[in-house]
């Protein structure tokens, strides 16, 4: 198993951490508030996550947002940008993204992402 080359984010009010699991899957946990203060960190993190998923040949990236109590529209757009990069990859290099939402509000906020990369994104 190849180790991930992506640093965790540990900011006051926002954190992100990724681990590589079995069967070429990456699991990401986001917590806190994805707001204006978190935006530059989340932007860099999602770009690094995409590079790492491609580098290690991940089949799936599981993103747990159940501990994310707020996400503003500009941070949600960072997810859109990530998924557009995923969608634009050659089919053999694409990976599946599973977003685990903890609340109805989260599910509604992230439901739109399933349309950005149809067939590659699952909202749970």
C-alpha atoms as a PDB file:
ATOM      1  CA  UNK A   1       0.000   0.000   0.000  1.00  0.00           C
ATOM      2  CA  UNK A   2       1.315   3.422  -0.962  1.00  0.00           C
ATOM      3  CA  UNK A   3       1.100   6.081   1.716  1.00  0.00           C
ATOM      4  CA  UNK A   4      -0.709   9.312   0.946  1.00  0.00           C
ATOM      5  CA  UNK A   5       1.314  12.470   0.490  1.00  0.00           C
ATOM      6  CA  UNK A   6      -1.307  14.899   1.737  1.00  0.00           C
ATOM      7  CA  UNK A   7      -1.073  16.863   4.963  1.00  0.00           C
ATOM      8  CA  UNK A   8      -4.052  17.024   7.282  1.00  0.00           C
ATOM      9  CA  UNK A   9      -5.683  20.384   7.966  1.00  0.00           C
ATOM     10  CA  UNK A  10      -5.966  21.290  11.627  1.00  0.00           C
ATOM     11  CA  UNK A  11      -7.232  24.873  11.823  1.00  0.00           C
ATOM     12  CA  UNK A  12      -9.348  26.410  14.576  1.00  0.00           C
ATOM     13  CA  UNK A  13     -12.891  25.561  13.526  1.00  0.00           C
ATOM     14  CA  UNK A  14     -12.036  23.315  10.553  1.00  0.00           C
ATOM     15  CA  UNK A  15     -10.165  20.080   9.978  1.00  0.00           C
ATOM     16  CA  UNK A  16      -9.609  17.589   7.184  1.00  0.00           C
ATOM     17  CA  UNK A  17      -7.807  14.273   7.295  1.00  0.00           C
ATOM     18  CA  UNK A  18      -7.341  11.481   4.765  1.00  0.00           C
ATOM     19  CA  UNK A  19      -6.254   7.880   5.131  1.00  0.00           C
ATOM     20  CA  UNK A  20      -5.729   5.227   2.534  1.00  0.00           C
ATOM     21  CA  UNK A  21      -7.567   2.025   3.268  1.00  0.00           C
ATOM     22  CA  UNK A  22      -7.758  -1.379   1.705  1.00  0.00           C
ATOM     23  CA  UNK A  23      -8.934  -2.012  -1.849  1.00  0.00           C
ATOM     24  CA  UNK A  24      -7.463   1.244  -3.186  1.00  0.00           C
ATOM     25  CA  UNK A  25      -9.917   3.478  -1.304  1.00  0.00           C
ATOM     26  CA  UNK A  26      -9.197   6.795   0.374  1.00  0.00           C
ATOM     27  CA  UNK A  27     -11.300   7.977   3.308  1.00  0.00           C
ATOM     28  CA  UNK A  28     -11.551  11.684   4.120  1.00  0.00           C
ATOM     29  CA  UNK A  29     -13.104  13.207   7.246  1.00  0.00           C
ATOM     30  CA  UNK A  30     -14.130  16.866   7.230  1.00  0.00           C
ATOM     31  CA  UNK A  31     -15.200  18.611  10.433  1.00  0.00           C
ATOM     32  CA  UNK A  32     -16.151  22.083  11.590  1.00  0.00           C
ATOM     33  CA  UNK A  33     -17.152  24.991   9.382  1.00  0.00           C
ATOM     34  CA  UNK A  34     -16.168  25.234   5.717  1.00  0.00           C
ATOM     35  CA  UNK A  35     -16.415  29.018   5.608  1.00  0.00           C
ATOM     36  CA  UNK A  36     -14.329  31.916   4.351  1.00  0.00           C
ATOM     37  CA  UNK A  37     -11.519  31.132   6.802  1.00  0.00           C
ATOM     38  CA  UNK A  38     -11.369  27.501   5.711  1.00  0.00           C
ATOM     39  CA  UNK A  39     -11.666  28.268   1.976  1.00  0.00           C
ATOM     40  CA  UNK A  40      -7.957  28.577   1.069  1.00  0.00           C
ATOM     41  CA  UNK A  41      -7.112  25.465   3.094  1.00  0.00           C
ATOM     42  CA  UNK A  42      -9.944  23.421   1.584  1.00  0.00           C
ATOM     43  CA  UNK A  43      -9.025  24.605  -1.914  1.00  0.00           C
ATOM     44  CA  UNK A  44      -5.448  23.376  -1.552  1.00  0.00           C
ATOM     45  CA  UNK A  45      -6.581  20.185   0.191  1.00  0.00           C
ATOM     46  CA  UNK A  46      -9.066  19.112  -2.492  1.00  0.00           C
ATOM     47  CA  UNK A  47      -6.496  19.735  -5.235  1.00  0.00           C
ATOM     48  CA  UNK A  48      -3.933  17.630  -3.341  1.00  0.00           C
ATOM     49  CA  UNK A  49      -6.559  14.956  -2.678  1.00  0.00           C
ATOM     50  CA  UNK A  50      -7.311  14.693  -6.397  1.00  0.00           C
ATOM     51  CA  UNK A  51      -3.596  14.467  -7.261  1.00  0.00           C
ATOM     52  CA  UNK A  52      -3.090  11.779  -4.630  1.00  0.00           C
ATOM     53  CA  UNK A  53      -6.136   9.776  -5.729  1.00  0.00           C
ATOM     54  CA  UNK A  54      -4.740   9.792  -9.267  1.00  0.00           C
ATOM     55  CA  UNK A  55      -1.191   9.028  -8.117  1.00  0.00           C
ATOM     56  CA  UNK A  56      -2.141   5.987  -6.036  1.00  0.00           C
ATOM     57  CA  UNK A  57      -4.761   4.798  -8.519  1.00  0.00           C
ATOM     58  CA  UNK A  58      -7.627   5.025  -6.055  1.00  0.00           C
ATOM     59  CA  UNK A  59     -10.832   3.361  -7.128  1.00  0.00           C
ATOM     60  CA  UNK A  60     -12.898   5.319  -4.604  1.00  0.00           C
ATOM     61  CA  UNK A  61     -12.683   8.379  -2.364  1.00  0.00           C
ATOM     62  CA  UNK A  62     -15.091   8.330   0.580  1.00  0.00           C
ATOM     63  CA  UNK A  63     -15.756  11.777   2.042  1.00  0.00           C
ATOM     64  CA  UNK A  64     -17.448  11.892   5.446  1.00  0.00           C
ATOM     65  CA  UNK A  65     -19.017  15.320   5.942  1.00  0.00           C
ATOM     66  CA  UNK A  66     -21.203  14.302   8.884  1.00  0.00           C
ATOM     67  CA  UNK A  67     -19.061  16.400  11.285  1.00  0.00           C
ATOM     68  CA  UNK A  68     -19.136  19.404   8.941  1.00  0.00           C
ATOM     69  CA  UNK A  69     -21.729  21.681  10.517  1.00  0.00           C
ATOM     70  CA  UNK A  70     -21.547  24.447   7.888  1.00  0.00           C
ATOM     71  CA  UNK A  71     -20.434  24.900   4.289  1.00  0.00           C
ATOM     72  CA  UNK A  72     -20.726  28.181   2.424  1.00  0.00           C
ATOM     73  CA  UNK A  73     -21.327  28.462  -1.304  1.00  0.00           C
ATOM     74  CA  UNK A  74     -17.713  29.258  -2.179  1.00  0.00           C
ATOM     75  CA  UNK A  75     -16.500  26.121  -0.395  1.00  0.00           C
ATOM     76  CA  UNK A  76     -19.225  24.072  -2.078  1.00  0.00           C
ATOM     77  CA  UNK A  77     -17.904  25.399  -5.403  1.00  0.00           C
ATOM     78  CA  UNK A  78     -14.493  23.933  -4.508  1.00  0.00           C
ATOM     79  CA  UNK A  79     -16.157  20.513  -4.533  1.00  0.00           C
ATOM     80  CA  UNK A  80     -17.663  21.347  -7.934  1.00  0.00           C
ATOM     81  CA  UNK A  81     -14.196  22.245  -9.267  1.00  0.00           C
ATOM     82  CA  UNK A  82     -12.751  18.980  -7.884  1.00  0.00           C
ATOM     83  CA  UNK A  83     -15.495  16.902  -9.466  1.00  0.00           C
ATOM     84  CA  UNK A  84     -15.121  18.689 -12.790  1.00  0.00           C
ATOM     85  CA  UNK A  85     -11.430  17.697 -12.769  1.00  0.00           C
ATOM     86  CA  UNK A  86     -12.487  14.117 -12.008  1.00  0.00           C
ATOM     87  CA  UNK A  87     -15.079  14.148 -14.775  1.00  0.00           C
ATOM     88  CA  UNK A  88     -12.504  15.395 -17.281  1.00  0.00           C
ATOM     89  CA  UNK A  89     -10.062  12.543 -16.626  1.00  0.00           C
ATOM     90  CA  UNK A  90      -9.769   9.659 -19.074  1.00  0.00           C
ATOM     91  CA  UNK A  91     -12.349   7.016 -18.137  1.00  0.00           C
ATOM     92  CA  UNK A  92      -9.699   4.522 -17.010  1.00  0.00           C
ATOM     93  CA  UNK A  93      -8.259   7.059 -14.535  1.00  0.00           C
ATOM     94  CA  UNK A  94     -11.560   8.156 -12.984  1.00  0.00           C
ATOM     95  CA  UNK A  95     -12.499   7.156  -9.458  1.00  0.00           C
ATOM     96  CA  UNK A  96     -15.783   7.117  -7.606  1.00  0.00           C
ATOM     97  CA  UNK A  97     -16.578   9.706  -4.911  1.00  0.00           C
ATOM     98  CA  UNK A  98     -18.926   8.737  -2.093  1.00  0.00           C
ATOM     99  CA  UNK A  99     -20.129  11.644   0.056  1.00  0.00           C
ATOM    100  CA  UNK A 100     -21.522  10.561   3.415  1.00  0.00           C
ATOM    101  CA  UNK A 101     -23.837  13.309   4.634  1.00  0.00           C
ATOM    102  CA  UNK A 102     -25.111  13.204   8.188  1.00  0.00           C
ATOM    103  CA  UNK A 103     -28.163  15.478   7.914  1.00  0.00           C
ATOM    104  CA  UNK A 104     -30.906  16.348   5.436  1.00  0.00           C
ATOM    105  CA  UNK A 105     -29.427  19.816   5.023  1.00  0.00           C
ATOM    106  CA  UNK A 106     -26.041  18.350   4.140  1.00  0.00           C
ATOM    107  CA  UNK A 107     -27.641  15.919   1.729  1.00  0.00           C
ATOM    108  CA  UNK A 108     -29.492  18.754  -0.008  1.00  0.00           C
ATOM    109  CA  UNK A 109     -26.336  20.857  -0.225  1.00  0.00           C
ATOM    110  CA  UNK A 110     -24.305  18.011  -1.694  1.00  0.00           C
ATOM    111  CA  UNK A 111     -27.017  16.481  -3.921  1.00  0.00           C
ATOM    112  CA  UNK A 112     -26.181  18.940  -6.680  1.00  0.00           C
ATOM    113  CA  UNK A 113     -22.660  17.483  -6.831  1.00  0.00           C
ATOM    114  CA  UNK A 114     -23.971  14.181  -8.139  1.00  0.00           C
ATOM    115  CA  UNK A 115     -24.941  16.007 -11.351  1.00  0.00           C
ATOM    116  CA  UNK A 116     -21.466  17.477 -11.872  1.00  0.00           C
ATOM    117  CA  UNK A 117     -19.864  14.091 -12.447  1.00  0.00           C
ATOM    118  CA  UNK A 118     -22.832  11.861 -13.218  1.00  0.00           C
ATOM    119  CA  UNK A 119     -22.168   8.215 -12.502  1.00  0.00           C
ATOM    120  CA  UNK A 120     -19.040   9.003 -10.472  1.00  0.00           C
ATOM    121  CA  UNK A 121     -20.590  10.607  -7.380  1.00  0.00           C
ATOM    122  CA  UNK A 122     -22.807   8.927  -4.800  1.00  0.00           C
ATOM    123  CA  UNK A 123     -24.497  10.827  -1.969  1.00  0.00           C
ATOM    124  CA  UNK A 124     -25.326   8.710   1.066  1.00  0.00           C
END
